[in-house]
Amino acid sequence: MNRQEKLEVINTLEKRFSSSKAAFVISFKGMNVAQMEKLRKEVRNEGGCVQVAKARLTKKAFQKITLTDSVVDTNIFFKDQVGFIFVETDGSRLAKTLYDLSQKDRFLKIVGCVMDNYAYDNARFVQIAQLPSREIIMGQLCGVLKAPIRNCVGVLNMVLLRLLLVLQQVANNK
């Protein structure tokens, strides 16, 4: 690989980092071709793409992006054989998929991720992956917002129901 090709790889990675909402760093050491193809297919189904390059080139491209806050030493991202998974849509859905795949495949390890210009290590990634989906959270929020109104309607109905019961008992006593 000559210098021009290396610069193209760095520029491509830099563009992917800047255009994607999330980037996941995976270690695929020990994976065979069939496992890697399965990973690529699952990632593609979720709207992402897998990018593998030399560690030095990915490190150079990664150093050019600006992180908002990094409590994680990002040097851990570039040990062993690492690849990046970029997604331009919702990163939490892909995080759940990657977490499930890493539970099934002992060779696939999630090293960390970058979401919204924040770098996270594996422990934070697991927490993100285990969060409920956006649709579930929205449904729970709607239930919480609807509960006081539903309870108020129930109380008002009980007042009317009690009045009707009293009137019915008065009518039965006559």
N, C-alpha and C. Protein backbone atom coordinates (compact mmCIF):
# COMPACT_ATOMS: atom_id res chain seq x y z
N MET A 1 0.85 -1.17 0.00
CA MET A 1 0.00 0.00 0.00
C MET A 1 0.90 1.24 0.00
N ASN A 2 0.76 2.05 -1.02
CA ASN A 2 1.61 3.23 -1.10
C ASN A 2 0.99 4.39 -0.30
N ARG A 3 1.71 5.47 -0.26
CA ARG A 3 1.32 6.63 0.55
C ARG A 3 -0.02 7.20 0.12
N GLN A 4 -0.26 7.29 -1.20
CA GLN A 4 -1.52 7.85 -1.70
C GLN A 4 -2.71 6.99 -1.28
N GLU A 5 -2.57 5.69 -1.35
CA GLU A 5 -3.64 4.79 -0.94
C GLU A 5 -3.92 4.92 0.56
N LYS A 6 -2.85 5.07 1.33
CA LYS A 6 -3.02 5.24 2.77
C LYS A 6 -3.78 6.54 3.08
N LEU A 7 -3.43 7.62 2.37
CA LEU A 7 -4.13 8.89 2.57
C LEU A 7 -5.61 8.77 2.19
N GLU A 8 -5.92 8.01 1.13
CA GLU A 8 -7.30 7.79 0.73
C GLU A 8 -8.07 7.04 1.82
N VAL A 9 -7.43 6.03 2.39
CA VAL A 9 -8.08 5.26 3.46
C VAL A 9 -8.34 6.17 4.67
N ILE A 10 -7.36 6.98 5.04
CA ILE A 10 -7.52 7.89 6.17
C ILE A 10 -8.64 8.89 5.89
N ASN A 11 -8.68 9.46 4.70
CA ASN A 11 -9.73 10.42 4.35
C ASN A 11 -11.11 9.76 4.35
N THR A 12 -11.19 8.54 3.84
CA THR A 12 -12.46 7.82 3.83
C THR A 12 -12.94 7.57 5.26
N LEU A 13 -12.04 7.11 6.11
CA LEU A 13 -12.41 6.87 7.50
C LEU A 13 -12.82 8.16 8.21
N GLU A 14 -12.11 9.23 7.92
CA GLU A 14 -12.41 10.52 8.54
C GLU A 14 -13.81 11.00 8.12
N LYS A 15 -14.14 10.83 6.83
CA LYS A 15 -15.48 11.20 6.35
C LYS A 15 -16.55 10.34 7.00
N ARG A 16 -16.27 9.05 7.14
CA ARG A 16 -17.24 8.15 7.78
C ARG A 16 -17.46 8.56 9.23
N PHE A 17 -16.38 8.90 9.94
CA PHE A 17 -16.52 9.32 11.33
C PHE A 17 -17.37 10.58 11.43
N SER A 18 -17.13 11.53 10.55
CA SER A 18 -17.85 12.80 10.65
C SER A 18 -19.30 12.69 10.18
N SER A 19 -19.59 11.79 9.24
CA SER A 19 -20.96 11.70 8.72
C SER A 19 -21.84 10.73 9.50
N SER A 20 -21.26 9.87 10.31
CA SER A 20 -22.07 8.87 11.00
C SER A 20 -22.48 9.37 12.39
N LYS A 21 -23.64 8.90 12.83
CA LYS A 21 -24.12 9.25 14.17
C LYS A 21 -23.44 8.41 15.23
N ALA A 22 -23.02 7.21 14.84
CA ALA A 22 -22.36 6.33 15.80
C ALA A 22 -21.32 5.50 15.07
N ALA A 23 -20.25 5.20 15.77
CA ALA A 23 -19.21 4.31 15.27
C ALA A 23 -18.85 3.34 16.39
N PHE A 24 -18.89 2.06 16.07
CA PHE A 24 -18.60 1.02 17.05
C PHE A 24 -17.26 0.39 16.71
N VAL A 25 -16.43 0.21 17.70
CA VAL A 25 -15.12 -0.40 17.52
C VAL A 25 -15.25 -1.86 17.95
N ILE A 26 -14.95 -2.77 17.01
CA ILE A 26 -15.07 -4.19 17.31
C ILE A 26 -13.72 -4.86 17.16
N SER A 27 -13.52 -5.89 17.94
CA SER A 27 -12.35 -6.74 17.80
C SER A 27 -12.82 -8.04 17.19
N PHE A 28 -12.26 -8.39 16.06
CA PHE A 28 -12.72 -9.59 15.36
C PHE A 28 -11.63 -10.65 15.29
N LYS A 29 -10.71 -10.59 16.20
CA LYS A 29 -9.61 -11.55 16.22
C LYS A 29 -10.16 -12.96 16.43
N GLY A 30 -9.83 -13.87 15.53
CA GLY A 30 -10.27 -15.25 15.62
C GLY A 30 -11.53 -15.56 14.82
N MET A 31 -12.16 -14.55 14.25
CA MET A 31 -13.39 -14.79 13.47
C MET A 31 -13.02 -15.37 12.11
N ASN A 32 -13.83 -16.31 11.63
CA ASN A 32 -13.61 -16.85 10.30
C ASN A 32 -14.45 -16.06 9.29
N VAL A 33 -14.33 -16.40 8.03
CA VAL A 33 -15.00 -15.65 6.97
C VAL A 33 -16.51 -15.74 7.10
N ALA A 34 -17.04 -16.89 7.42
CA ALA A 34 -18.49 -17.06 7.55
C ALA A 34 -19.04 -16.19 8.68
N GLN A 35 -18.34 -16.13 9.80
CA GLN A 35 -18.78 -15.30 10.91
C GLN A 35 -18.72 -13.81 10.54
N MET A 36 -17.67 -13.43 9.82
CA MET A 36 -17.54 -12.03 9.40
C MET A 36 -18.65 -11.66 8.41
N GLU A 37 -18.98 -12.56 7.50
CA GLU A 37 -20.06 -12.29 6.54
C GLU A 37 -21.40 -12.18 7.25
N LYS A 38 -21.62 -13.01 8.26
CA LYS A 38 -22.85 -12.92 9.04
C LYS A 38 -22.94 -11.57 9.73
N LEU A 39 -21.81 -11.14 10.30
CA LEU A 39 -21.75 -9.83 10.95
C LEU A 39 -22.07 -8.72 9.96
N ARG A 40 -21.43 -8.77 8.80
CA ARG A 40 -21.66 -7.74 7.78
C ARG A 40 -23.13 -7.70 7.36
N LYS A 41 -23.75 -8.87 7.22
CA LYS A 41 -25.15 -8.94 6.80
C LYS A 41 -26.06 -8.33 7.87
N GLU A 42 -25.84 -8.68 9.12
CA GLU A 42 -26.66 -8.15 10.21
C GLU A 42 -26.50 -6.62 10.32
N VAL A 43 -25.27 -6.16 10.18
CA VAL A 43 -25.01 -4.72 10.26
C VAL A 43 -25.67 -4.00 9.08
N ARG A 44 -25.60 -4.57 7.90
CA ARG A 44 -26.22 -3.99 6.72
C ARG A 44 -27.74 -3.90 6.89
N ASN A 45 -28.34 -4.93 7.50
CA ASN A 45 -29.78 -4.93 7.73
C ASN A 45 -30.21 -3.81 8.68
N GLU A 46 -29.32 -3.38 9.55
CA GLU A 46 -29.62 -2.30 10.49
C GLU A 46 -29.19 -0.93 9.95
N GLY A 47 -28.70 -0.87 8.73
CA GLY A 47 -28.34 0.41 8.13
C GLY A 47 -26.91 0.84 8.38
N GLY A 48 -26.05 -0.07 8.77
CA GLY A 48 -24.66 0.27 9.03
C GLY A 48 -23.72 -0.37 8.02
N CYS A 49 -22.46 -0.10 8.17
CA CYS A 49 -21.45 -0.72 7.31
C CYS A 49 -20.20 -0.99 8.13
N VAL A 50 -19.54 -2.09 7.78
CA VAL A 50 -18.32 -2.51 8.47
C VAL A 50 -17.13 -2.02 7.68
N GLN A 51 -16.17 -1.43 8.36
CA GLN A 51 -14.96 -0.93 7.72
C GLN A 51 -13.76 -1.49 8.49
N VAL A 52 -12.89 -2.17 7.76
CA VAL A 52 -11.68 -2.72 8.36
C VAL A 52 -10.48 -2.07 7.67
N ALA A 53 -9.55 -1.60 8.48
CA ALA A 53 -8.33 -1.00 7.94
C ALA A 53 -7.21 -1.25 8.94
N LYS A 54 -6.02 -0.92 8.55
CA LYS A 54 -4.87 -1.08 9.44
C LYS A 54 -5.05 -0.20 10.67
N ALA A 55 -4.57 -0.70 11.79
CA ALA A 55 -4.74 0.01 13.06
C ALA A 55 -4.10 1.39 13.04
N ARG A 56 -2.94 1.51 12.43
CA ARG A 56 -2.27 2.81 12.37
C ARG A 56 -3.09 3.83 11.58
N LEU A 57 -3.68 3.38 10.48
CA LEU A 57 -4.47 4.30 9.65
C LEU A 57 -5.76 4.71 10.36
N THR A 58 -6.42 3.76 11.01
CA THR A 58 -7.64 4.12 11.74
C THR A 58 -7.33 5.04 12.91
N LYS A 59 -6.19 4.83 13.54
CA LYS A 59 -5.80 5.70 14.65
C LYS A 59 -5.56 7.13 14.17
N LYS A 60 -4.92 7.27 13.01
CA LYS A 60 -4.68 8.61 12.45
C LYS A 60 -5.99 9.29 12.09
N ALA A 61 -6.91 8.54 11.49
CA ALA A 61 -8.21 9.11 11.13
C ALA A 61 -9.00 9.47 12.39
N PHE A 62 -8.92 8.62 13.40
CA PHE A 62 -9.66 8.86 14.64
C PHE A 62 -9.13 10.08 15.37
N GLN A 63 -7.83 10.32 15.29
CA GLN A 63 -7.24 11.48 15.97
C GLN A 63 -7.67 12.80 15.33
N LYS A 64 -8.14 12.76 14.09
CA LYS A 64 -8.56 13.98 13.42
C LYS A 64 -9.97 14.42 13.80
N ILE A 65 -10.76 13.50 14.37
CA ILE A 65 -12.11 13.91 14.78
C ILE A 65 -12.03 14.55 16.15
N THR A 66 -12.98 15.43 16.43
CA THR A 66 -13.01 16.12 17.71
C THR A 66 -14.11 15.50 18.58
N LEU A 67 -13.72 15.04 19.74
CA LEU A 67 -14.67 14.48 20.68
C LEU A 67 -15.09 15.55 21.67
N THR A 68 -16.38 15.56 22.02
CA THR A 68 -16.88 16.53 22.97
C THR A 68 -16.25 16.31 24.33
N ASP A 69 -16.29 15.08 24.78
CA ASP A 69 -15.72 14.75 26.08
C ASP A 69 -15.34 13.29 26.03
N SER A 70 -14.17 13.00 26.48
CA SER A 70 -13.73 11.61 26.45
C SER A 70 -13.16 11.24 27.81
N VAL A 71 -13.93 10.46 28.56
CA VAL A 71 -13.44 9.97 29.84
C VAL A 71 -12.76 8.62 29.66
N VAL A 72 -12.72 8.17 28.41
CA VAL A 72 -12.15 6.88 28.07
C VAL A 72 -10.83 7.09 27.35
N ASP A 73 -9.86 6.28 27.66
CA ASP A 73 -8.61 6.29 26.92
C ASP A 73 -8.87 5.61 25.58
N THR A 74 -8.89 6.38 24.52
CA THR A 74 -9.24 5.84 23.20
C THR A 74 -8.12 5.00 22.60
N ASN A 75 -6.98 4.92 23.25
CA ASN A 75 -5.92 4.04 22.75
C ASN A 75 -6.30 2.57 22.85
N ILE A 76 -7.25 2.24 23.73
CA ILE A 76 -7.71 0.86 23.83
C ILE A 76 -8.49 0.44 22.59
N PHE A 77 -8.95 1.41 21.82
CA PHE A 77 -9.69 1.11 20.59
C PHE A 77 -8.80 0.48 19.53
N PHE A 78 -7.50 0.64 19.62
CA PHE A 78 -6.62 0.26 18.52
C PHE A 78 -5.66 -0.86 18.88
N LYS A 79 -6.11 -1.78 19.69
CA LYS A 79 -5.29 -2.95 20.01
C LYS A 79 -5.87 -4.15 19.27
N ASP A 80 -5.03 -5.10 18.95
CA ASP A 80 -5.42 -6.32 18.22
C ASP A 80 -5.98 -5.95 16.84
N GLN A 81 -6.80 -6.83 16.31
CA GLN A 81 -7.43 -6.58 15.02
C GLN A 81 -8.77 -5.91 15.26
N VAL A 82 -8.87 -4.66 14.90
CA VAL A 82 -10.11 -3.92 15.13
C VAL A 82 -10.71 -3.47 13.82
N GLY A 83 -12.01 -3.33 13.86
CA GLY A 83 -12.75 -2.80 12.73
C GLY A 83 -13.76 -1.80 13.27
N PHE A 84 -14.29 -1.00 12.37
CA PHE A 84 -15.29 -0.01 12.76
C PHE A 84 -16.60 -0.32 12.07
N ILE A 85 -17.67 -0.11 12.78
CA ILE A 85 -19.01 -0.22 12.22
C ILE A 85 -19.63 1.16 12.32
N PHE A 86 -19.95 1.72 11.17
CA PHE A 86 -20.53 3.06 11.11
C PHE A 86 -22.01 2.96 10.82
N VAL A 87 -22.78 3.82 11.44
CA VAL A 87 -24.22 3.88 11.18
C VAL A 87 -24.64 5.35 11.12
N GLU A 88 -25.44 5.67 10.11
CA GLU A 88 -25.87 7.05 9.93
C GLU A 88 -27.27 7.30 10.48
N THR A 89 -27.93 6.25 10.96
CA THR A 89 -29.26 6.40 11.55
C THR A 89 -29.17 6.19 13.04
N ASP A 90 -30.16 5.56 13.62
CA ASP A 90 -30.22 5.34 15.07
C ASP A 90 -29.16 4.34 15.51
N GLY A 91 -28.21 4.78 16.31
CA GLY A 91 -27.13 3.92 16.76
C GLY A 91 -27.54 2.94 17.84
N SER A 92 -28.61 3.23 18.58
CA SER A 92 -29.00 2.34 19.67
C SER A 92 -29.54 1.01 19.16
N ARG A 93 -30.23 1.03 18.03
CA ARG A 93 -30.73 -0.23 17.45
C ARG A 93 -29.58 -1.13 17.04
N LEU A 94 -28.58 -0.54 16.40
CA LEU A 94 -27.42 -1.32 15.99
C LEU A 94 -26.63 -1.78 17.22
N ALA A 95 -26.61 -0.96 18.25
CA ALA A 95 -25.92 -1.36 19.48
C ALA A 95 -26.56 -2.62 20.07
N LYS A 96 -27.88 -2.68 20.06
CA LYS A 96 -28.57 -3.88 20.55
C LYS A 96 -28.23 -5.09 19.70
N THR A 97 -28.21 -4.91 18.38
CA THR A 97 -27.88 -6.01 17.47
C THR A 97 -26.46 -6.49 17.71
N LEU A 98 -25.52 -5.56 17.82
CA LEU A 98 -24.12 -5.94 18.05
C LEU A 98 -23.95 -6.62 19.40
N TYR A 99 -24.66 -6.15 20.40
CA TYR A 99 -24.58 -6.77 21.72
C TYR A 99 -25.08 -8.22 21.65
N ASP A 100 -26.20 -8.43 20.97
CA ASP A 100 -26.74 -9.78 20.83
C ASP A 100 -25.78 -10.68 20.07
N LEU A 101 -25.20 -10.15 18.99
CA LEU A 101 -24.23 -10.93 18.22
C LEU A 101 -22.99 -11.26 19.05
N SER A 102 -22.53 -10.31 19.86
CA SER A 102 -21.34 -10.57 20.67
C SER A 102 -21.62 -11.59 21.77
N GLN A 103 -22.88 -11.70 22.19
CA GLN A 103 -23.23 -12.71 23.18
C GLN A 103 -23.22 -14.11 22.56
N LYS A 104 -23.58 -14.18 21.27
CA LYS A 104 -23.64 -15.47 20.58
C LYS A 104 -22.28 -15.91 20.05
N ASP A 105 -21.46 -14.96 19.62
CA ASP A 105 -20.18 -15.27 18.99
C ASP A 105 -19.05 -14.89 19.95
N ARG A 106 -18.28 -15.87 20.39
CA ARG A 106 -17.24 -15.59 21.39
C ARG A 106 -16.07 -14.81 20.82
N PHE A 107 -15.90 -14.77 19.49
CA PHE A 107 -14.78 -14.04 18.90
C PHE A 107 -15.08 -12.56 18.70
N LEU A 108 -16.35 -12.19 18.58
CA LEU A 108 -16.72 -10.80 18.37
C LEU A 108 -16.76 -10.09 19.72
N LYS A 109 -15.94 -9.07 19.85
CA LYS A 109 -15.91 -8.28 21.08
C LYS A 109 -16.08 -6.81 20.73
N ILE A 110 -16.92 -6.15 21.47
CA ILE A 110 -17.12 -4.72 21.28
C ILE A 110 -16.12 -4.01 22.19
N VAL A 111 -15.21 -3.28 21.59
CA VAL A 111 -14.17 -2.59 22.36
C VAL A 111 -14.71 -1.28 22.92
N GLY A 112 -15.50 -0.58 22.12
CA GLY A 112 -16.06 0.70 22.55
C GLY A 112 -16.88 1.29 21.43
N CYS A 113 -17.31 2.52 21.64
CA CYS A 113 -18.09 3.19 20.59
C CYS A 113 -17.96 4.70 20.74
N VAL A 114 -18.31 5.37 19.66
CA VAL A 114 -18.38 6.83 19.66
C VAL A 114 -19.78 7.18 19.20
N MET A 115 -20.53 7.84 20.08
CA MET A 115 -21.89 8.26 19.76
C MET A 115 -22.02 9.73 20.09
N ASP A 116 -22.50 10.51 19.15
CA ASP A 116 -22.69 11.95 19.33
C ASP A 116 -21.44 12.64 19.87
N ASN A 117 -20.31 12.27 19.31
CA ASN A 117 -19.00 12.84 19.66
C ASN A 117 -18.55 12.55 21.10
N TYR A 118 -19.10 11.52 21.70
CA TYR A 118 -18.66 11.04 23.00
C TYR A 118 -18.10 9.63 22.83
N ALA A 119 -16.95 9.38 23.42
CA ALA A 119 -16.34 8.05 23.34
C ALA A 119 -16.74 7.26 24.58
N TYR A 120 -17.13 6.01 24.37
CA TYR A 120 -17.54 5.13 25.46
C TYR A 120 -16.76 3.83 25.39
N ASP A 121 -16.47 3.27 26.56
CA ASP A 121 -15.80 1.98 26.60
C ASP A 121 -16.84 0.85 26.54
N ASN A 122 -16.38 -0.37 26.68
CA ASN A 122 -17.26 -1.53 26.56
C ASN A 122 -18.37 -1.53 27.62
N ALA A 123 -18.06 -1.15 28.84
CA ALA A 123 -19.05 -1.16 29.91
C ALA A 123 -20.20 -0.20 29.60
N ARG A 124 -19.87 0.99 29.12
CA ARG A 124 -20.92 1.96 28.75
C ARG A 124 -21.69 1.48 27.53
N PHE A 125 -20.99 0.84 26.60
CA PHE A 125 -21.66 0.29 25.43
C PHE A 125 -22.73 -0.72 25.85
N VAL A 126 -22.40 -1.59 26.79
CA VAL A 126 -23.37 -2.59 27.26
C VAL A 126 -24.58 -1.89 27.88
N GLN A 127 -24.35 -0.83 28.64
CA GLN A 127 -25.46 -0.09 29.23
C GLN A 127 -26.35 0.52 28.15
N ILE A 128 -25.74 1.08 27.11
CA ILE A 128 -26.50 1.67 26.02
C ILE A 128 -27.29 0.60 25.28
N ALA A 129 -26.66 -0.54 25.06
CA ALA A 129 -27.32 -1.62 24.32
C ALA A 129 -28.49 -2.20 25.09
N GLN A 130 -28.47 -2.14 26.40
CA GLN A 130 -29.54 -2.72 27.20
C GLN A 130 -30.68 -1.74 27.48
N LEU A 131 -30.55 -0.51 27.03
CA LEU A 131 -31.65 0.45 27.20
C LEU A 131 -32.83 0.03 26.31
N PRO A 132 -34.05 0.34 26.74
CA PRO A 132 -35.19 0.03 25.87
C PRO A 132 -35.17 0.90 24.62
N SER A 133 -35.85 0.44 23.59
CA SER A 133 -35.85 1.18 22.33
C SER A 133 -36.64 2.48 22.47
N ARG A 134 -36.48 3.34 21.50
CA ARG A 134 -37.14 4.64 21.51
C ARG A 134 -38.66 4.48 21.54
N GLU A 135 -39.19 3.52 20.78
CA GLU A 135 -40.63 3.30 20.71
C GLU A 135 -41.17 2.88 22.07
N ILE A 136 -40.44 2.02 22.77
CA ILE A 136 -40.89 1.57 24.09
C ILE A 136 -40.88 2.73 25.08
N ILE A 137 -39.85 3.54 25.04
CA ILE A 137 -39.77 4.69 25.94
C ILE A 137 -40.90 5.68 25.64
N MET A 138 -41.19 5.90 24.38
CA MET A 138 -42.29 6.81 24.01
C MET A 138 -43.62 6.25 24.51
N GLY A 139 -43.83 4.94 24.39
CA GLY A 139 -45.05 4.32 24.89
C GLY A 139 -45.18 4.46 26.40
N GLN A 140 -44.07 4.27 27.10
CA GLN A 140 -44.09 4.42 28.56
C GLN A 140 -44.39 5.87 28.95
N LEU A 141 -43.82 6.82 28.22
CA LEU A 141 -44.07 8.23 28.49
C LEU A 141 -45.54 8.57 28.26
N CYS A 142 -46.11 8.05 27.19
CA CYS A 142 -47.54 8.29 26.92
C CYS A 142 -48.39 7.72 28.05
N GLY A 143 -48.04 6.54 28.54
CA GLY A 143 -48.78 5.95 29.66
C GLY A 143 -48.69 6.80 30.91
N VAL A 144 -47.51 7.34 31.18
CA VAL A 144 -47.32 8.19 32.36
C VAL A 144 -48.12 9.48 32.22
N LEU A 145 -48.13 10.06 31.03
CA LEU A 145 -48.87 11.30 30.81
C LEU A 145 -50.38 11.07 30.84
N LYS A 146 -50.82 9.90 30.42
CA LYS A 146 -52.24 9.60 30.34
C LYS A 146 -52.82 9.20 31.70
N ALA A 147 -52.02 8.70 32.60
CA ALA A 147 -52.50 8.16 33.88
C ALA A 147 -53.27 9.18 34.73
N PRO A 148 -52.81 10.42 34.93
CA PRO A 148 -53.59 11.35 35.76
C PRO A 148 -54.97 11.67 35.16
N ILE A 149 -55.04 11.80 33.87
CA ILE A 149 -56.32 12.10 33.22
C ILE A 149 -57.26 10.91 33.37
N ARG A 150 -56.73 9.71 33.16
CA ARG A 150 -57.54 8.49 33.29
C ARG A 150 -58.06 8.35 34.71
N ASN A 151 -57.22 8.62 35.69
CA ASN A 151 -57.63 8.53 37.08
C ASN A 151 -58.69 9.58 37.42
N CYS A 152 -58.56 10.78 36.89
CA CYS A 152 -59.54 11.83 37.11
C CYS A 152 -60.90 11.44 36.53
N VAL A 153 -60.88 10.89 35.34
CA VAL A 153 -62.12 10.44 34.70
C VAL A 153 -62.74 9.32 35.53
N GLY A 154 -61.91 8.42 36.05
CA GLY A 154 -62.42 7.34 36.90
C GLY A 154 -63.08 7.87 38.16
N VAL A 155 -62.50 8.88 38.80
CA VAL A 155 -63.07 9.47 40.01
C VAL A 155 -64.40 10.15 39.69
N LEU A 156 -64.45 10.90 38.59
CA LEU A 156 -65.70 11.57 38.20
C LEU A 156 -66.79 10.56 37.87
N ASN A 157 -66.43 9.47 37.24
CA ASN A 157 -67.42 8.43 36.94
C ASN A 157 -67.93 7.77 38.21
N MET A 158 -67.05 7.60 39.20
CA MET A 158 -67.47 7.00 40.46
C MET A 158 -68.48 7.88 41.18
N VAL A 159 -68.32 9.20 41.12
CA VAL A 159 -69.27 10.11 41.75
C VAL A 159 -70.64 9.94 41.11
N LEU A 160 -70.69 9.90 39.79
CA LEU A 160 -71.97 9.71 39.10
C LEU A 160 -72.55 8.34 39.39
N LEU A 161 -71.71 7.33 39.42
CA LEU A 161 -72.17 5.97 39.69
C LEU A 161 -72.75 5.86 41.09
N ARG A 162 -72.11 6.49 42.07
CA ARG A 162 -72.64 6.47 43.44
C ARG A 162 -73.98 7.20 43.53
N LEU A 163 -74.11 8.32 42.82
CA LEU A 163 -75.37 9.04 42.80
C LEU A 163 -76.48 8.17 42.22
N LEU A 164 -76.17 7.46 41.12
CA LEU A 164 -77.17 6.58 40.52
C LEU A 164 -77.53 5.43 41.46
N LEU A 165 -76.56 4.88 42.18
CA LEU A 165 -76.84 3.81 43.13
C LEU A 165 -77.73 4.30 44.27
N VAL A 166 -77.48 5.49 44.78
CA VAL A 166 -78.30 6.06 45.84
C VAL A 166 -79.73 6.28 45.34
N LEU A 167 -79.86 6.83 44.13
CA LEU A 167 -81.18 7.04 43.57
C LEU A 167 -81.93 5.73 43.35
N GLN A 168 -81.22 4.70 42.93
CA GLN A 168 -81.84 3.40 42.71
C GLN A 168 -82.29 2.80 44.04
N GLN A 169 -81.51 2.94 45.10
CA GLN A 169 -81.92 2.44 46.40
C GLN A 169 -83.12 3.20 46.95
N VAL A 170 -83.20 4.50 46.71
CA VAL A 170 -84.34 5.31 47.14
C VAL A 170 -85.59 4.84 46.40
N ALA A 171 -85.42 4.56 45.09
CA ALA A 171 -86.57 4.10 44.30
C ALA A 171 -87.02 2.72 44.75
N ASN A 172 -86.11 1.84 45.13
CA ASN A 172 -86.46 0.51 45.60
C ASN A 172 -87.15 0.55 46.96
N ASN A 173 -86.80 1.51 47.83
CA ASN A 173 -87.40 1.63 49.15
C ASN A 173 -88.81 2.18 49.07
N LYS A 174 -89.22 2.85 48.04
CA LYS A 174 -90.57 3.42 47.94
C LYS A 174 -91.54 2.44 47.44
